[in-house]
Amino acid sequence: MSEEDKVGKPAEYSNNSIDRSILNDKWDLVLSNMLVKVGLGFGVGVVTSVIFFKRRAFPVWLGIGYGFGRAYSEGDAIFRSNAGLRSVQI
């Protein structure tokens, strides 16, 4: 469809902006979730490394990998949901 055909159809633009808004909100949630999970995994890995393993690197990498894995699985669930973003019910 050319730009000339789209000029007179504001309803089409509003549907795209709603879809983009939901997609942007999902991406924001997934990326912030990933940052938190990887950060927590890194922190737990550093503490475990210092306390139990005489400052070796493998607990840190395991913690980061666990954080990425959790973030990936939760992000996949968020993008596969049909209802949009998850909400808290009180």
N, C-alpha and C. Protein backbone atom coordinates (compact mmCIF):
# COMPACT_ATOMS: atom_id res chain seq x y z
N MET A 1 0.85 -1.16 0.00
CA MET A 1 0.00 0.00 0.00
C MET A 1 0.90 1.23 0.00
N SER A 2 0.64 2.17 -0.87
CA SER A 2 1.47 3.36 -0.96
C SER A 2 1.10 4.36 0.12
N GLU A 3 1.95 5.37 0.29
CA GLU A 3 1.72 6.40 1.30
C GLU A 3 0.45 7.20 0.99
N GLU A 4 0.11 7.35 -0.31
CA GLU A 4 -1.09 8.09 -0.69
C GLU A 4 -2.35 7.36 -0.22
N ASP A 5 -2.34 6.03 -0.24
CA ASP A 5 -3.50 5.26 0.21
C ASP A 5 -3.68 5.34 1.72
N LYS A 6 -2.58 5.49 2.46
CA LYS A 6 -2.64 5.50 3.92
C LYS A 6 -3.08 6.84 4.50
N VAL A 7 -3.01 7.89 3.73
CA VAL A 7 -3.28 9.22 4.25
C VAL A 7 -4.70 9.35 4.79
N GLY A 8 -5.67 8.80 4.13
CA GLY A 8 -7.05 8.98 4.53
C GLY A 8 -7.57 7.93 5.49
N LYS A 9 -6.71 7.10 6.08
CA LYS A 9 -7.18 6.00 6.92
C LYS A 9 -6.57 6.09 8.32
N PRO A 10 -7.12 6.94 9.19
CA PRO A 10 -6.55 7.06 10.54
C PRO A 10 -6.78 5.83 11.40
N ALA A 11 -7.82 5.03 11.13
CA ALA A 11 -8.09 3.84 11.95
C ALA A 11 -6.95 2.83 11.82
N GLU A 12 -6.37 2.73 10.62
CA GLU A 12 -5.27 1.79 10.42
C GLU A 12 -4.06 2.18 11.25
N TYR A 13 -3.78 3.47 11.33
CA TYR A 13 -2.66 3.94 12.13
C TYR A 13 -2.90 3.71 13.61
N SER A 14 -4.13 3.89 14.07
CA SER A 14 -4.39 3.69 15.49
C SER A 14 -4.22 2.23 15.89
N ASN A 15 -4.60 1.28 15.03
CA ASN A 15 -4.40 -0.13 15.34
C ASN A 15 -2.92 -0.47 15.41
N ASN A 16 -2.12 0.07 14.48
CA ASN A 16 -0.69 -0.19 14.52
C ASN A 16 -0.05 0.42 15.75
N SER A 17 -0.49 1.59 16.16
CA SER A 17 0.12 2.22 17.33
C SER A 17 -0.22 1.45 18.60
N ILE A 18 -1.41 0.86 18.67
CA ILE A 18 -1.76 0.04 19.83
C ILE A 18 -0.90 -1.22 19.85
N ASP A 19 -0.75 -1.87 18.72
CA ASP A 19 0.08 -3.06 18.65
C ASP A 19 1.52 -2.75 19.00
N ARG A 20 2.02 -1.64 18.48
CA ARG A 20 3.40 -1.26 18.78
C ARG A 20 3.57 -0.91 20.24
N SER A 21 2.55 -0.29 20.83
CA SER A 21 2.62 0.06 22.24
C SER A 21 2.70 -1.19 23.11
N ILE A 22 1.90 -2.19 22.79
CA ILE A 22 1.95 -3.44 23.55
C ILE A 22 3.28 -4.13 23.36
N LEU A 23 3.78 -4.15 22.13
CA LEU A 23 5.07 -4.78 21.85
C LEU A 23 6.19 -4.03 22.57
N ASN A 24 6.17 -2.71 22.56
CA ASN A 24 7.18 -1.94 23.26
C ASN A 24 7.13 -2.18 24.76
N ASP A 25 5.92 -2.27 25.31
CA ASP A 25 5.79 -2.55 26.74
C ASP A 25 6.33 -3.93 27.09
N LYS A 26 6.07 -4.89 26.21
CA LYS A 26 6.60 -6.24 26.45
C LYS A 26 8.12 -6.24 26.40
N TRP A 27 8.71 -5.56 25.42
CA TRP A 27 10.17 -5.51 25.32
C TRP A 27 10.77 -4.82 26.54
N ASP A 28 10.13 -3.74 27.00
CA ASP A 28 10.62 -3.07 28.20
C ASP A 28 10.62 -4.01 29.39
N LEU A 29 9.55 -4.76 29.55
CA LEU A 29 9.44 -5.70 30.66
C LEU A 29 10.48 -6.80 30.55
N VAL A 30 10.67 -7.34 29.36
CA VAL A 30 11.62 -8.44 29.16
C VAL A 30 13.06 -7.97 29.42
N LEU A 31 13.42 -6.81 28.89
CA LEU A 31 14.79 -6.32 29.07
C LEU A 31 15.08 -5.94 30.51
N SER A 32 14.12 -5.31 31.19
CA SER A 32 14.35 -4.98 32.59
C SER A 32 14.41 -6.25 33.44
N ASN A 33 13.59 -7.24 33.10
CA ASN A 33 13.63 -8.52 33.80
C ASN A 33 14.98 -9.20 33.60
N MET A 34 15.50 -9.15 32.36
CA MET A 34 16.80 -9.75 32.09
C MET A 34 17.90 -9.07 32.88
N LEU A 35 17.86 -7.75 32.95
CA LEU A 35 18.88 -7.02 33.70
C LEU A 35 18.87 -7.41 35.17
N VAL A 36 17.69 -7.52 35.74
CA VAL A 36 17.57 -7.88 37.15
C VAL A 36 18.05 -9.31 37.39
N LYS A 37 17.61 -10.26 36.56
CA LYS A 37 17.96 -11.67 36.74
C LYS A 37 19.47 -11.89 36.57
N VAL A 38 20.06 -11.27 35.56
CA VAL A 38 21.50 -11.43 35.34
C VAL A 38 22.29 -10.78 36.48
N GLY A 39 21.82 -9.62 36.93
CA GLY A 39 22.48 -8.96 38.06
C GLY A 39 22.43 -9.79 39.32
N LEU A 40 21.29 -10.38 39.61
CA LEU A 40 21.18 -11.24 40.79
C LEU A 40 22.04 -12.49 40.65
N GLY A 41 22.05 -13.08 39.46
CA GLY A 41 22.90 -14.24 39.24
C GLY A 41 24.36 -13.91 39.39
N PHE A 42 24.77 -12.75 38.90
CA PHE A 42 26.16 -12.30 39.05
C PHE A 42 26.49 -12.11 40.53
N GLY A 43 25.61 -11.46 41.27
CA GLY A 43 25.86 -11.23 42.69
C GLY A 43 25.96 -12.51 43.49
N VAL A 44 25.04 -13.43 43.25
CA VAL A 44 25.09 -14.71 43.95
C VAL A 44 26.35 -15.48 43.56
N GLY A 45 26.73 -15.41 42.29
CA GLY A 45 27.95 -16.08 41.84
C GLY A 45 29.19 -15.51 42.49
N VAL A 46 29.27 -14.19 42.64
CA VAL A 46 30.43 -13.57 43.28
C VAL A 46 30.51 -13.96 44.75
N VAL A 47 29.37 -13.89 45.44
CA VAL A 47 29.36 -14.25 46.86
C VAL A 47 29.73 -15.72 47.04
N THR A 48 29.17 -16.58 46.23
CA THR A 48 29.49 -18.01 46.31
C THR A 48 30.95 -18.26 46.00
N SER A 49 31.48 -17.55 45.03
CA SER A 49 32.88 -17.70 44.66
C SER A 49 33.80 -17.29 45.80
N VAL A 50 33.50 -16.19 46.43
CA VAL A 50 34.35 -15.69 47.51
C VAL A 50 34.26 -16.59 48.74
N ILE A 51 33.06 -17.02 49.10
CA ILE A 51 32.88 -17.78 50.33
C ILE A 51 33.33 -19.24 50.19
N PHE A 52 32.93 -19.91 49.10
CA PHE A 52 33.14 -21.35 49.02
C PHE A 52 34.25 -21.81 48.09
N PHE A 53 34.59 -21.07 47.06
CA PHE A 53 35.47 -21.60 46.03
C PHE A 53 36.77 -20.82 45.85
N LYS A 54 37.21 -20.11 46.84
CA LYS A 54 38.50 -19.41 46.83
C LYS A 54 38.67 -18.53 45.60
N ARG A 55 37.63 -17.77 45.29
CA ARG A 55 37.63 -16.77 44.21
C ARG A 55 37.87 -17.34 42.82
N ARG A 56 37.28 -18.45 42.55
CA ARG A 56 37.32 -18.99 41.19
C ARG A 56 36.21 -18.38 40.37
N ALA A 57 36.31 -18.48 39.07
CA ALA A 57 35.38 -17.76 38.19
C ALA A 57 34.13 -18.56 37.84
N PHE A 58 34.16 -19.88 37.95
CA PHE A 58 33.02 -20.63 37.44
C PHE A 58 31.70 -20.37 38.18
N PRO A 59 31.67 -20.09 39.48
CA PRO A 59 30.35 -19.78 40.08
C PRO A 59 29.74 -18.49 39.53
N VAL A 60 30.58 -17.54 39.17
CA VAL A 60 30.08 -16.29 38.60
C VAL A 60 29.45 -16.57 37.24
N TRP A 61 30.12 -17.35 36.41
CA TRP A 61 29.58 -17.67 35.08
C TRP A 61 28.32 -18.52 35.19
N LEU A 62 28.28 -19.42 36.17
CA LEU A 62 27.06 -20.21 36.36
C LEU A 62 25.90 -19.32 36.79
N GLY A 63 26.16 -18.37 37.66
CA GLY A 63 25.12 -17.44 38.10
C GLY A 63 24.61 -16.58 36.95
N ILE A 64 25.52 -16.08 36.12
CA ILE A 64 25.11 -15.28 34.96
C ILE A 64 24.30 -16.13 33.98
N GLY A 65 24.74 -17.36 33.74
CA GLY A 65 24.01 -18.25 32.85
C GLY A 65 22.63 -18.58 33.38
N TYR A 66 22.53 -18.80 34.68
CA TYR A 66 21.23 -19.06 35.28
C TYR A 66 20.31 -17.85 35.12
N GLY A 67 20.85 -16.65 35.32
CA GLY A 67 20.07 -15.43 35.16
C GLY A 67 19.58 -15.26 33.73
N PHE A 68 20.45 -15.50 32.75
CA PHE A 68 20.04 -15.42 31.34
C PHE A 68 18.97 -16.46 31.02
N GLY A 69 19.12 -17.66 31.54
CA GLY A 69 18.15 -18.72 31.28
C GLY A 69 16.78 -18.38 31.85
N ARG A 70 16.75 -17.88 33.08
CA ARG A 70 15.47 -17.49 33.69
C ARG A 70 14.84 -16.33 32.91
N ALA A 71 15.65 -15.36 32.54
CA ALA A 71 15.13 -14.21 31.80
C ALA A 71 14.60 -14.64 30.43
N TYR A 72 15.29 -15.56 29.78
CA TYR A 72 14.83 -16.04 28.47
C TYR A 72 13.50 -16.77 28.59
N SER A 73 13.39 -17.65 29.58
CA SER A 73 12.15 -18.42 29.71
C SER A 73 10.97 -17.52 30.09
N GLU A 74 11.18 -16.54 30.95
CA GLU A 74 10.10 -15.63 31.31
C GLU A 74 9.76 -14.69 30.15
N GLY A 75 10.78 -14.27 29.40
CA GLY A 75 10.52 -13.45 28.22
C GLY A 75 9.74 -14.20 27.16
N ASP A 76 10.06 -15.48 26.99
CA ASP A 76 9.32 -16.30 26.04
C ASP A 76 7.86 -16.42 26.47
N ALA A 77 7.63 -16.58 27.75
CA ALA A 77 6.25 -16.67 28.25
C ALA A 77 5.51 -15.35 28.05
N ILE A 78 6.20 -14.24 28.23
CA ILE A 78 5.57 -12.93 28.06
C ILE A 78 5.19 -12.71 26.60
N PHE A 79 6.07 -13.05 25.67
CA PHE A 79 5.77 -12.84 24.25
C PHE A 79 4.75 -13.83 23.71
N ARG A 80 4.63 -14.99 24.31
CA ARG A 80 3.66 -15.98 23.83
C ARG A 80 2.26 -15.75 24.41
N SER A 81 2.14 -14.92 25.44
CA SER A 81 0.82 -14.71 26.04
C SER A 81 -0.07 -13.90 25.11
N ASN A 82 -1.32 -14.27 25.05
CA ASN A 82 -2.27 -13.60 24.16
C ASN A 82 -2.91 -12.39 24.82
N ALA A 83 -2.86 -12.32 26.11
CA ALA A 83 -3.60 -11.28 26.82
C ALA A 83 -2.80 -10.00 26.98
N GLY A 84 -1.62 -9.92 26.46
CA GLY A 84 -0.81 -8.73 26.65
C GLY A 84 0.09 -8.88 27.86
N LEU A 85 0.31 -7.81 28.57
CA LEU A 85 1.19 -7.86 29.73
C LEU A 85 0.49 -8.49 30.91
N ARG A 86 1.29 -9.10 31.76
CA ARG A 86 0.73 -9.67 32.99
C ARG A 86 0.34 -8.55 33.92
N SER A 87 -0.69 -8.76 34.70
CA SER A 87 -1.11 -7.75 35.65
C SER A 87 -1.32 -8.40 37.00
N VAL A 88 -1.22 -7.61 38.05
CA VAL A 88 -1.41 -8.09 39.41
C VAL A 88 -2.86 -7.91 39.79
N GLN A 89 -3.47 -8.96 40.29
CA GLN A 89 -4.87 -8.88 40.71
C GLN A 89 -4.92 -8.86 42.23
N ILE A 90 -5.65 -7.90 42.76
CA ILE A 90 -5.75 -7.78 44.22
C ILE A 90 -7.14 -8.18 44.66
